[in-house]
Amino acid sequence: MFDSIILDVDGTIWDTTDIVAEAWNCAIDKLFPAVPHVTGKILKGQFGKTMEVIADNLFVGLSKADKTRLMEECCNQEQLALKANNRNITYEGVVETIRELFAAGMPLFIVSNCQKGYIEVVIAKNQITQYITDFECYGNNGKGKAENIKLLCERNGLHNPVYVGDTQGDADACREAGVPFIWAAYGFGTAAQYFARIDSFKELKNVIHL
């Protein structure tokens, strides 16, 4: 049925929110101590949005320039923290299932609204670099998820892809891009409409009939 699978990252592959919250709070304390700290729970409600939207939502009261400066430092601290992290924050069965899908001949891709360099950290930390054919993100080109799904499809000649994500924003992007959406119900958000629902990543194999 499908010729490829495009994956979201946060809330689909792993949950970095507690680690990221600590890193962002370090950035906040360093640059703008008056800005309220964030928590993992707060970030779960923000991840999936573009970095500009997250900054507007969390750094209220700062100028646009200061929001940009703080978000850049947050992202810098975040990548340092994730590279140094030794805790297992990847959802159960993700790496094994990705390997099985790849071995079965299913091309795998990633599209996220994350910052530049983040997907590279994700695939390196999970040791799945060799299984990911291509990826794209907001941080690379300033385009939203729907546009990047379409861009990735055009770039790789994908005719029947399916996208796996965990939020209504993912579902909306898939509808705009004309791509079926599989809702990872174990993730951060909810979705009103979807092609299929999975309650664990390993269930993906059943949905695509591998």
N, C-alpha and C. Protein backbone atom coordinates (compact mmCIF):
# COMPACT_ATOMS: atom_id res chain seq x y z
N MET A 1 0.83 -1.21 0.00
CA MET A 1 0.00 0.00 0.00
C MET A 1 0.86 1.26 0.00
N PHE A 2 1.87 1.30 0.86
CA PHE A 2 2.73 2.48 0.97
C PHE A 2 4.12 2.19 0.43
N ASP A 3 4.74 3.20 -0.17
CA ASP A 3 6.09 3.01 -0.69
C ASP A 3 7.16 3.63 0.20
N SER A 4 6.73 4.26 1.30
CA SER A 4 7.69 4.91 2.19
C SER A 4 7.00 5.34 3.48
N ILE A 5 7.80 5.54 4.52
CA ILE A 5 7.30 6.02 5.80
C ILE A 5 8.08 7.27 6.20
N ILE A 6 7.36 8.33 6.53
CA ILE A 6 7.98 9.57 7.01
C ILE A 6 7.65 9.70 8.49
N LEU A 7 8.67 9.90 9.30
CA LEU A 7 8.51 9.93 10.75
C LEU A 7 8.65 11.34 11.32
N ASP A 8 7.85 11.61 12.31
CA ASP A 8 8.04 12.75 13.20
C ASP A 8 9.14 12.36 14.19
N VAL A 9 9.56 13.28 15.03
CA VAL A 9 10.61 12.97 16.01
C VAL A 9 10.07 12.97 17.44
N ASP A 10 9.85 14.16 17.98
CA ASP A 10 9.45 14.28 19.39
C ASP A 10 8.02 13.77 19.59
N GLY A 11 7.87 12.84 20.51
CA GLY A 11 6.56 12.24 20.75
C GLY A 11 6.28 11.07 19.84
N THR A 12 7.20 10.78 18.93
CA THR A 12 7.05 9.65 18.02
C THR A 12 8.24 8.70 18.13
N ILE A 13 9.45 9.24 18.03
CA ILE A 13 10.66 8.44 18.18
C ILE A 13 11.13 8.43 19.63
N TRP A 14 11.12 9.61 20.26
CA TRP A 14 11.59 9.67 21.65
C TRP A 14 10.95 10.83 22.40
N ASP A 15 11.22 10.88 23.72
CA ASP A 15 10.71 11.94 24.59
C ASP A 15 11.89 12.60 25.30
N THR A 16 12.26 13.77 24.80
CA THR A 16 13.41 14.50 25.35
C THR A 16 13.01 15.59 26.33
N THR A 17 11.72 15.72 26.62
CA THR A 17 11.22 16.95 27.24
C THR A 17 11.87 17.29 28.57
N ASP A 18 12.11 16.32 29.43
CA ASP A 18 12.73 16.63 30.72
C ASP A 18 14.17 17.11 30.56
N ILE A 19 14.90 16.47 29.66
CA ILE A 19 16.28 16.88 29.39
C ILE A 19 16.31 18.27 28.77
N VAL A 20 15.42 18.50 27.82
CA VAL A 20 15.37 19.80 27.14
C VAL A 20 14.96 20.89 28.10
N ALA A 21 14.03 20.60 29.00
CA ALA A 21 13.60 21.60 29.98
C ALA A 21 14.78 22.06 30.83
N GLU A 22 15.59 21.12 31.28
CA GLU A 22 16.78 21.48 32.07
C GLU A 22 17.73 22.35 31.26
N ALA A 23 17.93 21.99 30.02
CA ALA A 23 18.84 22.74 29.15
C ALA A 23 18.32 24.14 28.88
N TRP A 24 17.02 24.24 28.58
CA TRP A 24 16.44 25.56 28.29
C TRP A 24 16.46 26.44 29.53
N ASN A 25 16.25 25.87 30.69
CA ASN A 25 16.30 26.67 31.93
C ASN A 25 17.70 27.21 32.19
N CYS A 26 18.71 26.46 31.79
CA CYS A 26 20.09 26.97 31.88
C CYS A 26 20.27 28.18 30.98
N ALA A 27 19.70 28.09 29.77
CA ALA A 27 19.79 29.21 28.83
C ALA A 27 19.02 30.42 29.36
N ILE A 28 17.85 30.17 29.93
CA ILE A 28 17.04 31.26 30.50
C ILE A 28 17.80 31.95 31.62
N ASP A 29 18.36 31.17 32.53
CA ASP A 29 19.11 31.74 33.66
C ASP A 29 20.32 32.53 33.18
N LYS A 30 20.91 32.08 32.10
CA LYS A 30 22.11 32.73 31.57
C LYS A 30 21.79 34.07 30.92
N LEU A 31 20.69 34.15 30.18
CA LEU A 31 20.40 35.34 29.38
C LEU A 31 19.29 36.22 29.92
N PHE A 32 18.19 35.60 30.34
CA PHE A 32 17.02 36.38 30.78
C PHE A 32 16.39 35.73 32.01
N PRO A 33 17.01 35.89 33.18
CA PRO A 33 16.55 35.21 34.40
C PRO A 33 15.11 35.52 34.79
N ALA A 34 14.55 36.61 34.29
CA ALA A 34 13.17 36.96 34.65
C ALA A 34 12.15 36.10 33.90
N VAL A 35 12.56 35.45 32.84
CA VAL A 35 11.65 34.59 32.08
C VAL A 35 11.35 33.34 32.90
N PRO A 36 10.08 32.97 33.03
CA PRO A 36 9.73 31.78 33.82
C PRO A 36 10.38 30.51 33.27
N HIS A 37 10.75 29.62 34.19
CA HIS A 37 11.31 28.34 33.78
C HIS A 37 10.25 27.50 33.07
N VAL A 38 10.72 26.55 32.27
CA VAL A 38 9.82 25.61 31.59
C VAL A 38 9.96 24.24 32.26
N THR A 39 8.99 23.40 32.02
CA THR A 39 9.00 22.02 32.52
C THR A 39 8.79 21.08 31.35
N GLY A 40 9.05 19.80 31.60
CA GLY A 40 8.80 18.81 30.57
C GLY A 40 7.35 18.80 30.13
N LYS A 41 6.45 18.98 31.09
CA LYS A 41 5.02 18.99 30.78
C LYS A 41 4.66 20.16 29.87
N ILE A 42 5.24 21.33 30.16
CA ILE A 42 4.99 22.50 29.32
C ILE A 42 5.48 22.26 27.90
N LEU A 43 6.67 21.68 27.79
CA LEU A 43 7.25 21.46 26.47
C LEU A 43 6.47 20.45 25.65
N LYS A 44 5.84 19.48 26.30
CA LYS A 44 5.03 18.50 25.57
C LYS A 44 3.88 19.18 24.83
N GLY A 45 3.42 20.30 25.35
CA GLY A 45 2.35 21.05 24.70
C GLY A 45 2.85 21.97 23.61
N GLN A 46 4.18 22.12 23.51
CA GLN A 46 4.77 23.03 22.52
C GLN A 46 5.48 22.31 21.39
N PHE A 47 6.08 21.16 21.69
CA PHE A 47 6.85 20.45 20.66
C PHE A 47 5.94 20.09 19.50
N GLY A 48 6.47 20.24 18.31
CA GLY A 48 5.70 20.04 17.09
C GLY A 48 5.42 21.36 16.40
N LYS A 49 5.47 22.45 17.19
CA LYS A 49 5.32 23.79 16.61
C LYS A 49 6.69 24.25 16.13
N THR A 50 6.72 25.29 15.30
CA THR A 50 8.00 25.84 14.87
C THR A 50 8.66 26.57 16.04
N MET A 51 9.96 26.76 15.94
CA MET A 51 10.70 27.39 17.04
C MET A 51 10.23 28.82 17.28
N GLU A 52 9.84 29.53 16.24
CA GLU A 52 9.34 30.90 16.40
C GLU A 52 8.04 30.92 17.20
N VAL A 53 7.15 29.99 16.92
CA VAL A 53 5.89 29.92 17.64
C VAL A 53 6.13 29.55 19.10
N ILE A 54 7.02 28.60 19.34
CA ILE A 54 7.34 28.21 20.72
C ILE A 54 7.91 29.39 21.49
N ALA A 55 8.79 30.14 20.86
CA ALA A 55 9.37 31.31 21.52
C ALA A 55 8.31 32.34 21.86
N ASP A 56 7.37 32.56 20.94
CA ASP A 56 6.27 33.50 21.21
C ASP A 56 5.41 33.03 22.37
N ASN A 57 5.20 31.72 22.46
CA ASN A 57 4.35 31.16 23.50
C ASN A 57 5.01 31.16 24.88
N LEU A 58 6.32 30.94 24.92
CA LEU A 58 7.00 30.75 26.20
C LEU A 58 7.75 31.98 26.70
N PHE A 59 8.21 32.81 25.80
CA PHE A 59 9.05 33.94 26.19
C PHE A 59 8.29 35.26 26.06
N VAL A 60 7.12 35.28 26.62
CA VAL A 60 6.25 36.45 26.55
C VAL A 60 6.93 37.64 27.24
N GLY A 61 6.85 38.80 26.60
CA GLY A 61 7.43 40.00 27.19
C GLY A 61 8.77 40.39 26.59
N LEU A 62 9.43 39.44 25.95
CA LEU A 62 10.71 39.75 25.30
C LEU A 62 10.46 40.30 23.90
N SER A 63 11.40 41.10 23.43
CA SER A 63 11.31 41.58 22.06
C SER A 63 11.56 40.42 21.10
N LYS A 64 11.21 40.63 19.84
CA LYS A 64 11.44 39.58 18.85
C LYS A 64 12.91 39.20 18.78
N ALA A 65 13.78 40.21 18.84
CA ALA A 65 15.21 39.95 18.77
C ALA A 65 15.68 39.14 19.97
N ASP A 66 15.17 39.48 21.17
CA ASP A 66 15.56 38.76 22.38
C ASP A 66 14.99 37.34 22.39
N LYS A 67 13.79 37.17 21.86
CA LYS A 67 13.22 35.82 21.75
C LYS A 67 14.10 34.95 20.86
N THR A 68 14.54 35.54 19.74
CA THR A 68 15.41 34.80 18.83
C THR A 68 16.73 34.45 19.49
N ARG A 69 17.29 35.40 20.20
CA ARG A 69 18.56 35.17 20.88
C ARG A 69 18.43 34.08 21.94
N LEU A 70 17.35 34.15 22.73
CA LEU A 70 17.15 33.15 23.78
C LEU A 70 16.89 31.77 23.18
N MET A 71 16.08 31.70 22.13
CA MET A 71 15.81 30.41 21.52
C MET A 71 17.07 29.80 20.92
N GLU A 72 17.91 30.60 20.35
CA GLU A 72 19.17 30.09 19.81
C GLU A 72 20.03 29.49 20.92
N GLU A 73 20.07 30.15 22.08
CA GLU A 73 20.84 29.63 23.20
C GLU A 73 20.18 28.38 23.77
N CYS A 74 18.84 28.36 23.80
CA CYS A 74 18.12 27.16 24.25
C CYS A 74 18.48 25.97 23.37
N CYS A 75 18.48 26.19 22.07
CA CYS A 75 18.79 25.11 21.14
C CYS A 75 20.24 24.65 21.28
N ASN A 76 21.13 25.60 21.53
CA ASN A 76 22.54 25.26 21.74
C ASN A 76 22.71 24.40 22.98
N GLN A 77 22.09 24.83 24.10
CA GLN A 77 22.19 24.07 25.34
C GLN A 77 21.51 22.70 25.20
N GLU A 78 20.42 22.68 24.45
CA GLU A 78 19.68 21.43 24.23
C GLU A 78 20.54 20.39 23.51
N GLN A 79 21.20 20.81 22.45
CA GLN A 79 22.01 19.85 21.70
C GLN A 79 23.18 19.34 22.53
N LEU A 80 23.77 20.22 23.32
CA LEU A 80 24.86 19.78 24.20
C LEU A 80 24.36 18.75 25.21
N ALA A 81 23.17 19.01 25.77
CA ALA A 81 22.61 18.10 26.77
C ALA A 81 22.24 16.76 26.15
N LEU A 82 21.67 16.78 24.96
CA LEU A 82 21.26 15.53 24.32
C LEU A 82 22.46 14.70 23.89
N LYS A 83 23.50 15.35 23.42
CA LYS A 83 24.71 14.62 23.04
C LYS A 83 25.37 13.98 24.26
N ALA A 84 25.25 14.64 25.42
CA ALA A 84 25.86 14.11 26.65
C ALA A 84 24.97 13.11 27.37
N ASN A 85 23.71 13.03 26.98
CA ASN A 85 22.75 12.19 27.70
C ASN A 85 23.02 10.70 27.53
N ASN A 86 22.92 9.98 28.65
CA ASN A 86 23.09 8.53 28.63
C ASN A 86 21.81 7.80 29.04
N ARG A 87 20.74 8.56 29.34
CA ARG A 87 19.47 7.94 29.70
C ARG A 87 18.75 7.44 28.45
N ASN A 88 17.99 6.38 28.60
CA ASN A 88 17.20 5.87 27.48
C ASN A 88 15.90 6.63 27.39
N ILE A 89 15.78 7.49 26.39
CA ILE A 89 14.58 8.32 26.23
C ILE A 89 13.82 7.96 24.95
N THR A 90 14.25 6.90 24.28
CA THR A 90 13.61 6.45 23.06
C THR A 90 12.46 5.51 23.41
N TYR A 91 11.34 5.67 22.74
CA TYR A 91 10.19 4.80 23.02
C TYR A 91 10.52 3.34 22.70
N GLU A 92 9.93 2.46 23.46
CA GLU A 92 10.19 1.03 23.33
C GLU A 92 9.89 0.53 21.92
N GLY A 93 10.81 -0.22 21.39
CA GLY A 93 10.62 -0.85 20.09
C GLY A 93 10.93 0.00 18.88
N VAL A 94 11.29 1.26 19.08
CA VAL A 94 11.50 2.15 17.93
C VAL A 94 12.68 1.70 17.07
N VAL A 95 13.84 1.54 17.68
CA VAL A 95 15.04 1.22 16.91
C VAL A 95 14.91 -0.15 16.25
N GLU A 96 14.40 -1.12 17.00
CA GLU A 96 14.24 -2.47 16.45
C GLU A 96 13.27 -2.48 15.27
N THR A 97 12.17 -1.74 15.41
CA THR A 97 11.17 -1.69 14.34
C THR A 97 11.71 -0.99 13.11
N ILE A 98 12.45 0.10 13.31
CA ILE A 98 13.07 0.80 12.18
C ILE A 98 14.00 -0.14 11.42
N ARG A 99 14.78 -0.92 12.15
CA ARG A 99 15.68 -1.88 11.50
C ARG A 99 14.90 -2.92 10.70
N GLU A 100 13.80 -3.41 11.27
CA GLU A 100 12.99 -4.41 10.59
C GLU A 100 12.32 -3.84 9.34
N LEU A 101 11.84 -2.62 9.44
CA LEU A 101 11.22 -1.98 8.28
C LEU A 101 12.23 -1.79 7.16
N PHE A 102 13.41 -1.34 7.53
CA PHE A 102 14.48 -1.14 6.55
C PHE A 102 14.85 -2.47 5.90
N ALA A 103 14.99 -3.51 6.71
CA ALA A 103 15.36 -4.83 6.19
C ALA A 103 14.30 -5.38 5.24
N ALA A 104 13.05 -4.97 5.45
CA ALA A 104 11.95 -5.41 4.59
C ALA A 104 11.84 -4.58 3.32
N GLY A 105 12.74 -3.60 3.17
CA GLY A 105 12.77 -2.80 1.96
C GLY A 105 11.92 -1.55 1.99
N MET A 106 11.53 -1.11 3.20
CA MET A 106 10.71 0.09 3.33
C MET A 106 11.60 1.32 3.56
N PRO A 107 11.64 2.27 2.63
CA PRO A 107 12.43 3.49 2.83
C PRO A 107 11.85 4.33 3.97
N LEU A 108 12.73 4.90 4.79
CA LEU A 108 12.34 5.67 5.96
C LEU A 108 12.89 7.09 5.87
N PHE A 109 12.06 8.05 6.25
CA PHE A 109 12.40 9.46 6.18
C PHE A 109 11.97 10.15 7.47
N ILE A 110 12.45 11.37 7.69
CA ILE A 110 12.05 12.16 8.85
C ILE A 110 11.72 13.58 8.39
N VAL A 111 10.60 14.11 8.87
CA VAL A 111 10.26 15.53 8.69
C VAL A 111 9.81 16.08 10.03
N SER A 112 10.41 17.19 10.45
CA SER A 112 10.11 17.77 11.76
C SER A 112 10.12 19.29 11.67
N ASN A 113 9.45 19.93 12.62
CA ASN A 113 9.52 21.39 12.73
C ASN A 113 10.67 21.84 13.62
N CYS A 114 11.63 20.98 13.83
CA CYS A 114 12.73 21.26 14.76
C CYS A 114 13.77 22.21 14.17
N GLN A 115 14.75 22.55 15.01
CA GLN A 115 15.85 23.41 14.60
C GLN A 115 16.88 22.64 13.78
N LYS A 116 17.70 23.37 13.07
CA LYS A 116 18.77 22.80 12.26
C LYS A 116 19.72 22.00 13.15
N GLY A 117 20.06 20.82 12.71
CA GLY A 117 21.01 19.97 13.43
C GLY A 117 20.38 18.98 14.40
N TYR A 118 19.10 19.17 14.70
CA TYR A 118 18.45 18.31 15.70
C TYR A 118 18.22 16.90 15.18
N ILE A 119 17.78 16.76 13.95
CA ILE A 119 17.54 15.42 13.41
C ILE A 119 18.83 14.62 13.36
N GLU A 120 19.93 15.29 13.05
CA GLU A 120 21.22 14.61 13.03
C GLU A 120 21.56 14.03 14.40
N VAL A 121 21.23 14.76 15.46
CA VAL A 121 21.46 14.27 16.82
C VAL A 121 20.56 13.06 17.10
N VAL A 122 19.31 13.15 16.68
CA VAL A 122 18.35 12.06 16.91
C VAL A 122 18.85 10.76 16.28
N ILE A 123 19.21 10.82 15.02
CA ILE A 123 19.58 9.58 14.34
C ILE A 123 20.94 9.07 14.81
N ALA A 124 21.84 9.98 15.20
CA ALA A 124 23.14 9.54 15.70
C ALA A 124 23.02 8.87 17.06
N LYS A 125 22.23 9.49 17.96
CA LYS A 125 22.08 8.93 19.31
C LYS A 125 21.37 7.58 19.29
N ASN A 126 20.47 7.40 18.33
CA ASN A 126 19.74 6.14 18.24
C ASN A 126 20.40 5.13 17.29
N GLN A 127 21.52 5.55 16.71
CA GLN A 127 22.28 4.69 15.80
C GLN A 127 21.41 4.16 14.65
N ILE A 128 20.66 5.08 14.06
CA ILE A 128 19.78 4.71 12.93
C ILE A 128 20.13 5.49 11.67
N THR A 129 21.28 6.13 11.65
CA THR A 129 21.67 6.96 10.51
C THR A 129 21.55 6.21 9.19
N GLN A 130 22.02 4.96 9.17
CA GLN A 130 22.05 4.19 7.93
C GLN A 130 20.67 3.77 7.45
N TYR A 131 19.65 3.92 8.31
CA TYR A 131 18.31 3.50 7.94
C TYR A 131 17.43 4.66 7.44
N ILE A 132 17.91 5.89 7.61
CA ILE A 132 17.13 7.07 7.23
C ILE A 132 17.63 7.57 5.87
N THR A 133 16.76 7.47 4.87
CA THR A 133 17.16 7.83 3.51
C THR A 133 17.37 9.34 3.35
N ASP A 134 16.48 10.14 3.95
CA ASP A 134 16.54 11.59 3.80
C ASP A 134 15.72 12.22 4.91
N PHE A 135 15.96 13.50 5.17
CA PHE A 135 15.17 14.21 6.19
C PHE A 135 15.12 15.69 5.85
N GLU A 136 14.15 16.38 6.46
CA GLU A 136 14.03 17.82 6.28
C GLU A 136 13.39 18.42 7.52
N CYS A 137 13.67 19.70 7.77
CA CYS A 137 13.10 20.35 8.96
C CYS A 137 12.98 21.85 8.76
N TYR A 138 12.19 22.46 9.60
CA TYR A 138 11.95 23.90 9.58
C TYR A 138 13.26 24.68 9.72
N GLY A 139 14.14 24.20 10.58
CA GLY A 139 15.40 24.90 10.81
C GLY A 139 16.30 24.97 9.60
N ASN A 140 16.13 24.04 8.68
CA ASN A 140 16.96 24.04 7.48
C ASN A 140 16.51 25.06 6.44
N ASN A 141 15.19 25.22 6.30
CA ASN A 141 14.70 26.03 5.19
C ASN A 141 13.58 27.00 5.53
N GLY A 142 13.15 27.03 6.81
CA GLY A 142 12.09 27.96 7.21
C GLY A 142 10.71 27.56 6.74
N LYS A 143 10.57 26.34 6.21
CA LYS A 143 9.27 25.86 5.73
C LYS A 143 8.58 25.01 6.80
N GLY A 144 7.25 25.08 6.83
CA GLY A 144 6.48 24.31 7.78
C GLY A 144 6.42 22.83 7.41
N LYS A 145 5.80 22.05 8.27
CA LYS A 145 5.81 20.60 8.09
C LYS A 145 5.13 20.16 6.80
N ALA A 146 3.99 20.74 6.47
CA ALA A 146 3.30 20.33 5.25
C ALA A 146 4.16 20.57 4.02
N GLU A 147 4.78 21.74 3.95
CA GLU A 147 5.64 22.06 2.81
C GLU A 147 6.83 21.11 2.74
N ASN A 148 7.39 20.78 3.90
CA ASN A 148 8.56 19.91 3.90
C ASN A 148 8.21 18.46 3.59
N ILE A 149 7.01 18.04 3.96
CA ILE A 149 6.57 16.70 3.55
C ILE A 149 6.49 16.64 2.02
N LYS A 150 5.87 17.66 1.43
CA LYS A 150 5.76 17.70 -0.03
C LYS A 150 7.13 17.79 -0.69
N LEU A 151 8.01 18.61 -0.11
CA LEU A 151 9.36 18.77 -0.64
C LEU A 151 10.12 17.45 -0.61
N LEU A 152 10.02 16.74 0.51
CA LEU A 152 10.72 15.46 0.65
C LEU A 152 10.19 14.44 -0.37
N CYS A 153 8.87 14.44 -0.55
CA CYS A 153 8.27 13.52 -1.52
C CYS A 153 8.75 13.80 -2.93
N GLU A 154 8.79 15.08 -3.29
CA GLU A 154 9.24 15.46 -4.63
C GLU A 154 10.72 15.11 -4.82
N ARG A 155 11.51 15.39 -3.79
CA ARG A 155 12.95 15.17 -3.87
C ARG A 155 13.31 13.70 -4.02
N ASN A 156 12.48 12.83 -3.44
CA ASN A 156 12.80 11.41 -3.43
C ASN A 156 11.86 10.56 -4.29
N GLY A 157 10.97 11.21 -5.03
CA GLY A 157 10.07 10.48 -5.92
C GLY A 157 9.11 9.56 -5.19
N LEU A 158 8.60 10.03 -4.05
CA LEU A 158 7.67 9.21 -3.26
C LEU A 158 6.25 9.40 -3.79
N HIS A 159 5.56 8.31 -4.06
CA HIS A 159 4.21 8.38 -4.62
C HIS A 159 3.13 8.01 -3.61
N ASN A 160 3.45 7.12 -2.67
CA ASN A 160 2.45 6.68 -1.69
C ASN A 160 3.06 6.64 -0.28
N PRO A 161 3.50 7.78 0.23
CA PRO A 161 4.09 7.79 1.57
C PRO A 161 3.01 7.84 2.65
N VAL A 162 3.38 7.51 3.85
CA VAL A 162 2.53 7.68 5.02
C VAL A 162 3.36 8.38 6.09
N TYR A 163 2.72 9.25 6.86
CA TYR A 163 3.43 10.01 7.89
C TYR A 163 3.00 9.52 9.27
N VAL A 164 3.96 9.37 10.17
CA VAL A 164 3.68 8.94 11.54
C VAL A 164 4.02 10.09 12.49
N GLY A 165 3.02 10.58 13.21
CA GLY A 165 3.23 11.66 14.17
C GLY A 165 2.26 11.54 15.32
N ASP A 166 2.33 12.50 16.25
CA ASP A 166 1.57 12.33 17.50
C ASP A 166 0.62 13.46 17.84
N THR A 167 0.51 14.47 17.00
CA THR A 167 -0.31 15.63 17.36
C THR A 167 -1.31 16.00 16.26
N GLN A 168 -2.26 16.84 16.63
CA GLN A 168 -3.21 17.36 15.65
C GLN A 168 -2.49 18.20 14.60
N GLY A 169 -1.43 18.89 15.02
CA GLY A 169 -0.63 19.66 14.06
C GLY A 169 -0.04 18.77 12.99
N ASP A 170 0.39 17.57 13.37
CA ASP A 170 0.89 16.61 12.39
C ASP A 170 -0.23 16.18 11.45
N ALA A 171 -1.39 15.92 12.02
CA ALA A 171 -2.54 15.51 11.21
C ALA A 171 -2.92 16.60 10.21
N ASP A 172 -2.91 17.85 10.67
CA ASP A 172 -3.25 18.98 9.80
C ASP A 172 -2.24 19.11 8.66
N ALA A 173 -0.95 18.94 9.00
CA ALA A 173 0.09 19.04 7.98
C ALA A 173 -0.06 17.94 6.94
N CYS A 174 -0.41 16.75 7.39
CA CYS A 174 -0.60 15.64 6.45
C CYS A 174 -1.79 15.88 5.54
N ARG A 175 -2.86 16.42 6.09
CA ARG A 175 -4.03 16.72 5.27
C ARG A 175 -3.67 17.75 4.20
N GLU A 176 -2.90 18.77 4.59
CA GLU A 176 -2.48 19.80 3.63
C GLU A 176 -1.56 19.23 2.57
N ALA A 177 -0.71 18.29 2.98
CA ALA A 177 0.25 17.70 2.04
C ALA A 177 -0.35 16.57 1.22
N GLY A 178 -1.55 16.12 1.59
CA GLY A 178 -2.19 15.02 0.88
C GLY A 178 -1.58 13.67 1.16
N VAL A 179 -1.13 13.50 2.42
CA VAL A 179 -0.47 12.25 2.82
C VAL A 179 -1.25 11.62 3.98
N PRO A 180 -1.50 10.31 3.95
CA PRO A 180 -2.18 9.65 5.07
C PRO A 180 -1.39 9.80 6.37
N PHE A 181 -2.13 9.89 7.48
CA PHE A 181 -1.54 10.15 8.79
C PHE A 181 -1.79 8.98 9.73
N ILE A 182 -0.73 8.47 10.32
CA ILE A 182 -0.84 7.47 11.38
C ILE A 182 -0.56 8.16 12.70
N TRP A 183 -1.52 8.08 13.62
CA TRP A 183 -1.40 8.75 14.91
C TRP A 183 -0.70 7.87 15.92
N ALA A 184 0.45 8.35 16.42
CA ALA A 184 1.17 7.68 17.50
C ALA A 184 0.54 8.12 18.82
N ALA A 185 -0.45 7.35 19.27
CA ALA A 185 -1.26 7.74 20.42
C ALA A 185 -0.49 7.71 21.73
N TYR A 186 0.68 7.11 21.74
CA TYR A 186 1.52 7.06 22.95
C TYR A 186 2.32 8.34 23.15
N GLY A 187 2.24 9.27 22.19
CA GLY A 187 3.06 10.48 22.21
C GLY A 187 2.49 11.60 23.03
N PHE A 188 2.72 12.84 22.59
CA PHE A 188 2.41 14.02 23.39
C PHE A 188 0.99 14.53 23.23
N GLY A 189 0.39 14.30 22.05
CA GLY A 189 -0.87 14.99 21.77
C GLY A 189 -2.01 14.07 21.38
N THR A 190 -3.03 14.68 20.81
CA THR A 190 -4.19 13.95 20.33
C THR A 190 -4.40 14.28 18.86
N ALA A 191 -5.25 13.51 18.22
CA ALA A 191 -5.59 13.76 16.81
C ALA A 191 -7.03 13.34 16.58
N ALA A 192 -7.78 14.18 15.90
CA ALA A 192 -9.19 13.90 15.68
C ALA A 192 -9.42 12.95 14.52
N GLN A 193 -8.59 13.04 13.50
CA GLN A 193 -8.76 12.20 12.33
C GLN A 193 -7.42 11.60 11.92
N TYR A 194 -7.45 10.34 11.53
CA TYR A 194 -6.21 9.66 11.15
C TYR A 194 -6.54 8.42 10.33
N PHE A 195 -5.58 7.97 9.56
CA PHE A 195 -5.72 6.75 8.77
C PHE A 195 -5.69 5.54 9.69
N ALA A 196 -4.79 5.57 10.66
CA ALA A 196 -4.67 4.47 11.61
C ALA A 196 -4.08 5.01 12.91
N ARG A 197 -4.29 4.27 13.99
CA ARG A 197 -3.76 4.63 15.31
C ARG A 197 -2.83 3.52 15.76
N ILE A 198 -1.68 3.90 16.35
CA ILE A 198 -0.80 2.92 16.97
C ILE A 198 -0.57 3.32 18.42
N ASP A 199 -0.58 2.33 19.30
CA ASP A 199 -0.35 2.58 20.73
C ASP A 199 1.06 2.23 21.15
N SER A 200 1.84 1.71 20.23
CA SER A 200 3.28 1.50 20.41
C SER A 200 3.91 1.51 19.03
N PHE A 201 5.16 1.89 18.95
CA PHE A 201 5.79 2.04 17.64
C PHE A 201 5.84 0.73 16.86
N LYS A 202 6.00 -0.39 17.57
CA LYS A 202 6.10 -1.67 16.89
C LYS A 202 4.83 -2.04 16.14
N GLU A 203 3.68 -1.44 16.52
CA GLU A 203 2.43 -1.71 15.83
C GLU A 203 2.44 -1.17 14.40
N LEU A 204 3.40 -0.31 14.10
CA LEU A 204 3.51 0.25 12.75
C LEU A 204 3.65 -0.84 11.70
N LYS A 205 4.34 -1.91 12.04
CA LYS A 205 4.52 -3.01 11.08
C LYS A 205 3.20 -3.63 10.68
N ASN A 206 2.27 -3.73 11.62
CA ASN A 206 0.96 -4.30 11.33
C ASN A 206 0.12 -3.38 10.45
N VAL A 207 0.24 -2.08 10.70
CA VAL A 207 -0.55 -1.11 9.94
C VAL A 207 -0.16 -1.10 8.47
N ILE A 208 1.12 -1.22 8.20
CA ILE A 208 1.57 -1.18 6.80
C ILE A 208 1.74 -2.58 6.22
N HIS A 209 1.32 -3.58 6.98
CA HIS A 209 1.26 -4.97 6.51
C HIS A 209 2.62 -5.53 6.14
N LEU A 210 3.58 -5.33 7.02
CA LEU A 210 4.89 -5.96 6.83
C LEU A 210 5.05 -7.12 7.80
